[in-house]
N, C-alpha and C. Protein backbone atom coordinates (compact mmCIF):
# COMPACT_ATOMS: atom_id res chain seq x y z
N MET A 1 149.38 120.65 132.45
CA MET A 1 149.21 120.29 133.83
C MET A 1 147.33 119.92 133.78
N SER A 2 147.70 118.29 134.09
CA SER A 2 145.90 117.41 133.87
C SER A 2 145.63 117.45 135.00
N THR A 3 144.66 117.53 135.51
CA THR A 3 143.59 117.25 136.88
C THR A 3 142.63 116.50 136.85
N ASN A 4 142.38 116.05 138.04
CA ASN A 4 141.22 114.99 138.22
C ASN A 4 139.98 115.59 138.10
N ARG A 5 138.66 114.60 138.31
CA ARG A 5 137.61 115.04 138.44
C ARG A 5 137.33 116.04 139.72
N PHE A 6 138.30 116.12 140.96
CA PHE A 6 138.43 117.53 141.87
C PHE A 6 139.12 118.20 141.94
N GLY A 7 139.74 118.38 140.30
CA GLY A 7 140.46 119.80 140.66
C GLY A 7 142.05 119.53 140.89
N LYS A 8 142.55 118.24 141.57
CA LYS A 8 143.87 117.95 141.88
C LYS A 8 144.91 117.66 141.32
N GLU A 9 145.88 118.12 141.25
CA GLU A 9 146.65 118.03 140.34
C GLU A 9 147.44 116.57 140.22
N LEU A 10 147.45 115.88 138.56
CA LEU A 10 147.96 114.59 138.54
C LEU A 10 149.35 114.73 138.20
N LYS A 11 150.38 114.33 139.19
CA LYS A 11 151.10 114.81 139.62
C LYS A 11 151.96 113.55 138.63
N GLU A 12 153.01 114.04 137.79
CA GLU A 12 153.75 112.71 137.07
C GLU A 12 154.94 112.58 136.79
N TYR A 13 155.86 111.90 137.37
CA TYR A 13 157.29 112.18 137.90
C TYR A 13 158.02 111.72 136.74
N ASN A 14 159.47 112.37 136.66
CA ASN A 14 160.36 111.93 135.34
C ASN A 14 162.03 111.17 135.90
N TYR A 15 161.65 110.15 136.64
CA TYR A 15 162.88 109.44 137.24
C TYR A 15 163.25 108.78 135.46
N THR A 16 164.40 108.35 135.46
CA THR A 16 165.02 107.57 134.21
C THR A 16 164.47 106.59 134.43
N LYS A 17 164.57 105.25 134.07
CA LYS A 17 164.67 103.86 133.45
C LYS A 17 165.73 103.21 134.83
N GLU A 18 166.81 103.99 134.74
CA GLU A 18 168.05 103.83 135.21
C GLU A 18 167.56 103.78 137.37
N GLU A 19 166.86 104.90 137.05
CA GLU A 19 166.69 105.69 138.55
C GLU A 19 165.66 104.42 139.24
N LEU A 20 164.68 104.51 138.27
CA LEU A 20 163.04 103.44 138.91
C LEU A 20 163.72 102.14 138.96
N ALA A 21 165.12 101.71 138.22
CA ALA A 21 165.24 100.18 138.50
C ALA A 21 166.24 100.20 139.98
N LYS A 22 166.65 101.02 140.55
CA LYS A 22 166.77 101.23 142.25
C LYS A 22 166.05 101.31 143.14
N PHE A 23 164.55 101.34 142.63
CA PHE A 23 163.19 101.22 143.96
C PHE A 23 162.97 100.04 143.51
N ASN A 24 163.24 98.94 143.96
CA ASN A 24 163.27 97.54 143.97
C ASN A 24 162.28 97.29 145.25
N TYR A 25 162.57 97.59 146.21
CA TYR A 25 161.90 96.62 147.26
C TYR A 25 161.41 98.00 148.41
N ALA A 26 160.15 97.87 148.93
CA ALA A 26 160.27 99.10 150.39
C ALA A 26 159.87 97.93 151.41
N LYS A 27 160.17 98.56 152.67
CA LYS A 27 160.90 98.04 153.78
C LYS A 27 159.87 98.57 154.84
N ILE A 28 158.98 98.41 155.33
CA ILE A 28 158.11 98.83 156.12
C ILE A 28 157.85 98.30 157.41
N THR A 29 158.29 99.56 158.66
CA THR A 29 159.07 98.94 159.71
C THR A 29 157.37 99.50 160.85
N THR A 30 157.29 98.29 161.54
CA THR A 30 155.97 98.21 162.02
C THR A 30 156.91 97.77 163.87
N LYS A 31 155.95 98.17 164.97
CA LYS A 31 156.13 97.51 165.96
C LYS A 31 155.81 95.76 166.08
N ASN A 32 155.56 95.57 165.50
CA ASN A 32 155.54 94.10 165.36
C ASN A 32 156.31 93.25 164.30
N GLY A 33 157.20 94.17 163.63
CA GLY A 33 158.02 93.71 162.59
C GLY A 33 158.68 94.54 161.29
N GLU A 34 158.89 93.88 160.28
CA GLU A 34 158.83 94.70 159.44
C GLU A 34 157.76 93.65 158.28
N ILE A 35 157.75 94.76 157.09
CA ILE A 35 157.02 93.76 156.09
C ILE A 35 158.01 94.57 154.39
N LEU A 36 158.44 93.51 153.82
CA LEU A 36 159.50 93.59 152.97
C LEU A 36 158.31 93.59 151.75
N ILE A 37 158.45 94.36 150.70
CA ILE A 37 157.25 94.40 149.71
C ILE A 37 158.46 94.51 148.30
N LYS A 38 157.64 93.70 147.32
CA LYS A 38 158.48 93.52 146.16
C LYS A 38 157.73 94.91 145.28
N LEU A 39 158.51 95.77 144.69
CA LEU A 39 158.04 97.27 144.47
C LEU A 39 157.63 96.79 142.55
N PHE A 40 156.97 97.28 141.70
CA PHE A 40 156.51 96.73 140.34
C PHE A 40 157.21 98.00 139.74
N ASN A 41 158.35 98.68 140.02
CA ASN A 41 158.80 99.91 139.23
C ASN A 41 158.53 99.78 137.47
N GLN A 42 158.66 98.78 137.20
CA GLN A 42 158.58 98.70 135.50
C GLN A 42 157.20 98.68 135.34
N GLU A 43 156.07 98.02 136.13
CA GLU A 43 155.09 97.71 135.35
C GLU A 43 154.08 98.67 135.75
N THR A 44 154.14 99.75 136.99
CA THR A 44 153.44 100.78 137.49
C THR A 44 154.94 102.02 137.79
N PRO A 45 155.07 102.85 137.07
CA PRO A 45 156.40 103.38 137.08
C PRO A 45 155.96 104.26 137.69
N ASN A 46 155.11 105.59 137.68
CA ASN A 46 154.48 106.62 138.03
C ASN A 46 153.67 106.00 140.00
N THR A 47 153.72 105.36 140.09
CA THR A 47 152.85 104.85 141.04
C THR A 47 153.67 105.05 142.45
N VAL A 48 154.92 103.72 141.50
CA VAL A 48 155.99 103.57 142.71
C VAL A 48 156.59 104.71 142.67
N ALA A 49 156.93 105.54 142.24
CA ALA A 49 157.96 107.04 142.09
C ALA A 49 157.23 107.69 142.85
N ASN A 50 156.06 107.67 143.09
CA ASN A 50 155.14 108.58 144.28
C ASN A 50 155.63 108.15 145.48
N PHE A 51 155.19 106.75 145.79
CA PHE A 51 155.01 105.98 146.78
C PHE A 51 156.52 106.06 147.59
N VAL A 52 157.83 106.19 146.25
CA VAL A 52 159.24 106.33 147.24
C VAL A 52 159.32 107.61 146.84
N THR A 53 159.37 108.15 146.48
CA THR A 53 159.02 109.74 146.53
C THR A 53 158.89 110.20 148.19
N LEU A 54 158.12 110.07 148.60
CA LEU A 54 157.44 110.05 149.63
C LEU A 54 157.96 108.94 150.86
N ALA A 55 158.37 108.28 151.12
CA ALA A 55 158.80 107.44 151.61
C ALA A 55 160.04 107.96 151.83
N ASN A 56 161.03 108.71 150.83
CA ASN A 56 162.30 108.66 150.71
C ASN A 56 162.32 110.10 151.59
N ASP A 57 161.37 111.01 151.29
CA ASP A 57 161.06 112.27 152.15
C ASP A 57 160.44 112.41 153.71
N GLY A 58 160.25 111.29 153.93
CA GLY A 58 159.98 110.58 155.54
C GLY A 58 158.72 110.98 155.49
N PHE A 59 157.87 110.95 154.45
CA PHE A 59 156.50 111.46 154.97
C PHE A 59 155.00 110.47 155.78
N TYR A 60 155.98 109.34 155.54
CA TYR A 60 154.84 107.91 155.74
C TYR A 60 155.53 107.89 157.36
N ASP A 61 156.92 108.51 157.72
CA ASP A 61 157.39 108.08 158.93
C ASP A 61 156.57 108.61 160.37
N GLY A 62 156.09 107.50 161.28
CA GLY A 62 155.21 107.76 162.04
C GLY A 62 153.36 107.97 162.47
N LEU A 63 153.10 107.96 160.47
CA LEU A 63 151.42 107.83 160.63
C LEU A 63 150.99 106.38 161.03
N ASN A 64 149.87 106.05 160.79
CA ASN A 64 149.84 104.97 161.44
C ASN A 64 148.80 104.26 160.07
N PHE A 65 148.03 102.68 160.83
CA PHE A 65 147.61 102.19 159.96
C PHE A 65 146.13 102.57 160.63
N HIS A 66 145.46 103.60 159.39
CA HIS A 66 144.23 104.02 160.28
C HIS A 66 142.94 103.06 160.08
N ARG A 67 143.29 102.68 158.74
CA ARG A 67 141.53 101.35 158.59
C ARG A 67 142.31 99.65 158.89
N VAL A 68 142.29 99.32 159.54
CA VAL A 68 142.18 97.53 159.63
C VAL A 68 140.94 97.17 159.56
N ILE A 69 140.97 96.24 158.72
CA ILE A 69 139.89 95.47 158.74
C ILE A 69 140.18 94.01 158.40
N ALA A 70 139.94 93.09 159.19
CA ALA A 70 140.37 91.52 159.52
C ALA A 70 140.33 90.72 158.55
N GLY A 71 140.54 89.81 157.75
CA GLY A 71 139.74 89.33 156.19
C GLY A 71 139.90 89.94 155.39
N PHE A 72 140.22 91.51 155.34
CA PHE A 72 140.03 92.48 154.14
C PHE A 72 141.78 93.04 153.83
N MET A 73 141.84 93.81 154.44
CA MET A 73 143.28 94.69 154.72
C MET A 73 143.47 95.56 155.56
N ALA A 74 144.88 96.36 155.36
CA ALA A 74 145.43 97.67 156.35
C ALA A 74 145.77 98.78 155.20
N GLN A 75 145.15 99.65 156.04
CA GLN A 75 145.62 100.95 154.59
C GLN A 75 145.97 101.79 155.83
N GLY A 76 147.02 102.61 155.30
CA GLY A 76 147.77 103.75 156.27
C GLY A 76 147.97 104.69 154.71
N GLY A 77 148.82 105.77 155.54
CA GLY A 77 149.87 106.75 154.57
C GLY A 77 148.70 108.26 154.74
N CYS A 78 148.06 108.11 155.18
CA CYS A 78 146.86 109.20 155.62
C CYS A 78 147.95 110.40 156.87
N PRO A 79 148.15 111.97 156.51
CA PRO A 79 149.01 112.64 157.30
C PRO A 79 147.89 112.74 158.34
N GLN A 80 146.90 113.03 158.06
CA GLN A 80 145.88 113.31 158.92
C GLN A 80 145.32 112.10 160.47
N LYS A 81 145.95 110.68 159.66
CA LYS A 81 145.88 109.61 160.14
C LYS A 81 144.27 109.40 160.93
N SER A 82 143.37 109.64 159.42
CA SER A 82 142.03 109.21 160.18
C SER A 82 141.48 108.71 158.37
N GLY A 83 142.06 109.11 157.15
CA GLY A 83 141.71 108.43 155.91
C GLY A 83 141.31 109.32 155.01
N MET A 84 141.10 110.67 155.66
CA MET A 84 140.70 111.73 154.84
C MET A 84 142.14 112.61 154.05
N GLY A 85 142.81 112.45 154.46
CA GLY A 85 144.11 113.18 154.30
C GLY A 85 145.05 112.58 153.33
N GLY A 86 146.07 113.53 152.36
CA GLY A 86 147.08 113.33 151.56
C GLY A 86 147.37 114.64 151.13
N PRO A 87 148.63 114.01 150.05
CA PRO A 87 149.25 115.50 149.54
C PRO A 87 148.18 116.37 148.57
N GLU A 88 149.00 117.33 148.56
CA GLU A 88 148.21 117.97 147.52
C GLU A 88 148.07 117.90 145.43
N TRP A 89 148.34 116.67 145.31
CA TRP A 89 148.25 116.42 144.55
C TRP A 89 147.76 115.06 144.43
N ALA A 90 147.49 114.39 143.12
CA ALA A 90 146.82 112.79 143.10
C ALA A 90 147.61 112.25 141.89
N ILE A 91 147.41 110.99 141.83
CA ILE A 91 148.45 110.34 140.16
C ILE A 91 147.00 109.48 139.44
N LYS A 92 147.64 109.06 138.72
CA LYS A 92 146.65 108.48 137.93
C LYS A 92 146.65 107.20 138.33
N CYS A 93 145.85 106.17 137.94
CA CYS A 93 145.22 104.63 137.80
C CYS A 93 146.25 104.19 136.97
N GLU A 94 147.33 103.54 137.38
CA GLU A 94 147.75 102.41 136.62
C GLU A 94 147.26 101.08 136.19
N VAL A 95 146.20 101.28 136.30
CA VAL A 95 145.67 99.79 136.72
C VAL A 95 144.95 98.85 135.07
N ASP A 96 145.74 99.37 134.28
CA ASP A 96 145.69 98.37 132.88
C ASP A 96 147.19 97.34 132.86
N ALA A 97 148.13 97.85 133.76
CA ALA A 97 149.50 97.28 133.98
C ALA A 97 149.40 95.94 134.36
N PRO A 98 150.32 95.23 133.46
CA PRO A 98 150.56 93.93 134.09
C PRO A 98 150.84 93.84 136.19
N LYS A 99 150.54 92.31 136.50
CA LYS A 99 150.31 92.22 137.71
C LYS A 99 149.57 92.48 138.92
N GLN A 100 148.19 93.33 137.83
CA GLN A 100 146.82 93.97 138.85
C GLN A 100 146.05 93.07 139.39
N ASN A 101 146.39 91.57 140.04
CA ASN A 101 145.71 90.97 140.98
C ASN A 101 145.92 91.56 142.17
N HIS A 102 144.90 91.42 142.90
CA HIS A 102 144.75 91.81 144.72
C HIS A 102 145.16 90.71 145.10
N LYS A 103 145.99 89.82 145.28
CA LYS A 103 146.23 88.39 146.35
C LYS A 103 146.88 89.16 147.92
N ARG A 104 147.00 88.16 148.52
CA ARG A 104 147.53 87.94 149.86
C ARG A 104 148.94 88.65 149.90
N GLY A 105 149.09 89.94 149.99
CA GLY A 105 150.25 90.72 150.40
C GLY A 105 150.17 91.12 148.95
N SER A 106 149.28 92.04 148.61
CA SER A 106 149.46 93.05 147.61
C SER A 106 149.31 94.48 148.34
N LEU A 107 150.14 95.18 147.81
CA LEU A 107 150.53 96.55 148.09
C LEU A 107 149.82 97.39 147.38
N SER A 108 148.67 98.03 147.44
CA SER A 108 148.06 98.66 146.19
C SER A 108 148.02 100.02 146.95
N MET A 109 146.88 101.40 145.91
CA MET A 109 146.90 102.64 146.53
C MET A 109 145.83 102.69 146.89
N ALA A 110 145.36 103.27 147.47
CA ALA A 110 143.45 103.59 148.08
C ALA A 110 143.78 105.16 147.23
N HIS A 111 142.17 105.07 146.73
CA HIS A 111 141.64 106.61 146.33
C HIS A 111 140.24 106.49 146.90
N ALA A 112 140.04 107.43 146.25
CA ALA A 112 138.51 107.84 146.54
C ALA A 112 137.69 107.73 145.11
N GLY A 113 138.08 107.10 144.25
CA GLY A 113 138.06 107.14 142.80
C GLY A 113 138.72 107.43 142.38
N ARG A 114 138.98 106.90 140.11
CA ARG A 114 139.73 106.95 139.87
C ARG A 114 140.70 108.08 139.81
N ASP A 115 141.97 107.65 139.58
CA ASP A 115 142.72 109.01 139.46
C ASP A 115 142.78 110.04 140.52
N THR A 116 142.33 109.41 141.62
CA THR A 116 142.37 110.36 143.00
C THR A 116 143.41 109.51 143.92
N GLY A 117 144.11 108.68 143.98
CA GLY A 117 145.07 108.57 144.91
C GLY A 117 146.36 109.48 144.96
N GLY A 118 147.00 109.30 146.36
CA GLY A 118 148.12 110.21 146.80
C GLY A 118 149.27 109.84 147.45
N SER A 119 148.60 109.72 149.17
CA SER A 119 149.98 109.28 149.76
C SER A 119 148.97 107.49 150.46
N GLN A 120 147.29 107.43 150.12
CA GLN A 120 147.29 106.11 151.01
C GLN A 120 147.61 104.94 150.35
N PHE A 121 147.73 104.21 150.95
CA PHE A 121 148.21 102.37 150.53
C PHE A 121 147.55 101.39 151.41
N PHE A 122 147.31 100.16 150.67
CA PHE A 122 146.81 99.12 151.73
C PHE A 122 147.58 98.20 151.19
N ILE A 123 147.46 97.02 151.85
CA ILE A 123 147.90 95.51 151.85
C ILE A 123 147.15 94.29 152.16
N CYS A 124 146.88 93.73 151.18
CA CYS A 124 145.53 92.63 151.61
C CYS A 124 145.92 91.57 151.83
N PHE A 125 145.24 91.25 152.78
CA PHE A 125 145.34 90.10 154.29
C PHE A 125 144.97 88.98 153.45
N VAL A 126 143.89 89.12 152.52
CA VAL A 126 143.13 87.98 151.31
C VAL A 126 143.11 88.22 150.18
N PRO A 127 143.18 87.30 149.63
CA PRO A 127 142.52 87.77 147.74
C PRO A 127 141.51 88.65 148.10
N CYS A 128 141.73 89.72 146.69
CA CYS A 128 140.35 90.73 146.82
C CYS A 128 140.40 90.82 145.34
N PRO A 129 139.88 90.08 144.46
CA PRO A 129 139.54 89.75 143.12
C PRO A 129 138.64 91.10 142.86
N HIS A 130 137.95 91.32 143.53
CA HIS A 130 137.09 92.63 143.05
C HIS A 130 137.51 94.11 143.06
N LEU A 131 138.77 94.20 143.92
CA LEU A 131 139.35 94.90 143.73
C LEU A 131 140.77 95.46 142.11
N ASP A 132 140.31 94.06 141.38
CA ASP A 132 141.26 94.13 140.37
C ASP A 132 140.51 95.13 139.36
N GLY A 133 141.67 96.07 138.68
CA GLY A 133 140.86 97.32 137.44
C GLY A 133 140.52 98.38 138.00
N ASN A 134 140.16 98.46 139.53
CA ASN A 134 139.65 99.70 140.34
C ASN A 134 140.92 100.32 141.15
N HIS A 135 141.92 99.73 141.30
CA HIS A 135 143.35 99.87 142.42
C HIS A 135 144.63 99.36 141.55
N THR A 136 145.52 100.41 141.93
CA THR A 136 146.91 100.08 141.50
C THR A 136 147.44 99.03 141.92
N VAL A 137 147.67 98.09 141.62
CA VAL A 137 148.74 96.83 142.99
C VAL A 137 150.10 97.47 142.16
N PHE A 138 151.06 98.17 142.81
CA PHE A 138 152.21 98.31 143.04
C PHE A 138 153.56 97.71 143.30
N GLY A 139 153.00 96.73 144.26
CA GLY A 139 154.25 95.61 145.14
C GLY A 139 153.42 94.13 145.23
N GLU A 140 154.05 93.81 146.08
CA GLU A 140 153.75 92.53 147.02
C GLU A 140 154.55 92.15 147.55
N ILE A 141 154.46 91.24 148.93
CA ILE A 141 154.91 90.58 149.68
C ILE A 141 155.34 89.26 148.72
N GLU A 142 156.66 88.82 148.66
CA GLU A 142 156.94 87.62 147.88
C GLU A 142 156.95 86.54 148.57
N VAL A 143 156.52 85.24 148.10
CA VAL A 143 155.66 84.17 148.56
C VAL A 143 156.55 83.67 149.88
N THR A 144 158.14 84.25 149.13
CA THR A 144 158.99 83.50 150.34
C THR A 144 159.37 84.26 151.67
N GLN A 145 158.62 85.65 152.21
CA GLN A 145 159.46 86.11 152.74
C GLN A 145 157.66 86.16 153.85
N ASN A 146 158.37 85.00 154.22
CA ASN A 146 156.75 84.69 155.76
C ASN A 146 157.20 85.38 157.04
N SER A 147 158.41 86.20 157.23
CA SER A 147 158.49 86.88 158.68
C SER A 147 157.59 88.35 158.10
N SER A 148 157.82 88.33 156.94
CA SER A 148 156.76 89.82 156.94
C SER A 148 155.18 89.66 156.08
N PHE A 149 154.65 88.30 156.33
CA PHE A 149 153.51 88.03 156.43
C PHE A 149 153.05 88.03 157.96
N LYS A 150 153.61 87.30 158.61
CA LYS A 150 153.61 87.26 160.00
C LYS A 150 153.44 88.59 160.94
N THR A 151 154.29 89.80 160.10
CA THR A 151 153.94 91.15 160.48
C THR A 151 152.86 91.82 160.49
N LEU A 152 152.79 91.39 158.89
CA LEU A 152 150.92 91.27 158.21
C LEU A 152 149.86 91.21 158.76
N ASP A 153 149.72 90.11 159.34
CA ASP A 153 148.80 89.34 159.90
C ASP A 153 148.52 90.16 161.64
N ALA A 154 149.65 90.29 161.99
CA ALA A 154 149.28 91.13 162.78
C ALA A 154 148.99 92.81 163.37
N ILE A 155 149.17 93.37 162.23
CA ILE A 155 148.64 94.59 162.11
C ILE A 155 147.09 94.91 162.88
N LYS A 156 146.91 95.96 163.66
CA LYS A 156 145.92 96.25 163.89
C LYS A 156 145.40 98.01 163.70
N GLN A 157 144.53 97.94 163.75
CA GLN A 157 144.20 99.53 163.66
C GLN A 157 144.76 100.54 164.30
N GLY A 158 145.38 101.29 164.07
CA GLY A 158 146.34 102.52 164.59
C GLY A 158 147.71 102.05 164.49
N ASP A 159 147.81 101.33 164.86
CA ASP A 159 149.72 100.65 164.63
C ASP A 159 150.56 101.47 163.72
N GLU A 160 151.67 101.89 164.25
CA GLU A 160 152.31 103.09 164.29
C GLU A 160 152.97 102.43 162.56
N ILE A 161 153.26 103.29 161.83
CA ILE A 161 154.26 103.08 160.38
C ILE A 161 155.58 103.75 160.94
N ILE A 162 156.42 103.08 161.28
CA ILE A 162 157.64 103.63 162.28
C ILE A 162 158.77 104.00 160.89
N LYS A 163 158.51 103.70 159.85
CA LYS A 163 159.65 104.07 158.81
C LYS A 163 159.21 103.24 157.69
N ILE A 164 159.31 103.73 156.62
CA ILE A 164 159.63 102.90 155.20
C ILE A 164 160.53 103.40 154.69
N GLU A 165 161.46 102.08 153.97
CA GLU A 165 162.62 102.73 153.49
C GLU A 165 162.58 102.02 151.97
N ILE A 166 163.21 102.68 151.37
CA ILE A 166 163.53 102.11 149.70
C ILE A 166 164.64 101.32 149.94
N LEU A 167 164.75 99.99 149.20
CA LEU A 167 166.23 99.20 148.89
C LEU A 167 165.87 98.97 147.50
N GLU A 168 167.42 99.12 146.94
CA GLU A 168 167.48 98.28 145.95
C GLU A 168 168.00 97.11 145.82
N SER A 169 168.53 96.18 146.95
CA SER A 169 168.51 95.11 146.86
C SER A 169 168.18 94.29 148.27
N ILE A 170 167.97 93.39 148.55
CA ILE A 170 168.06 92.96 150.16
C ILE A 170 168.77 91.45 150.25
């Protein structure tokens, strides 16, 4: 078992390629509507597997967007609803994978340094190239999903993540 610099286990998932191929979309339901995210299940398989496993376990249901910075991003996924919590494990960053550009609608892992991400994620309101190579982008709002962008733009600090569902198709 490998660990990160804080001694947390670096979790690796063992989903088959066939199982991963079914993790295509995440539907994030908020009071303002839904955000549909295309997951990068082939490019960032371990990050997607971690997010999907947590979502399917109901981990994110009822949490909030605890950090929202206008003109930057909305961050959620902290079980303490403060930005200080996460699971008992961490995952390795997959920043050398394809599609690692932070643009408007990118879904990316939040962390406290390389290989420390666990459950917290953020969605970019605008392009954030300064984050490229530092945070794993593991999904995005597709450009045709206007209602998802409208919901993203309506997020305010403290807004509830009602539910995250994983979908094979839309």
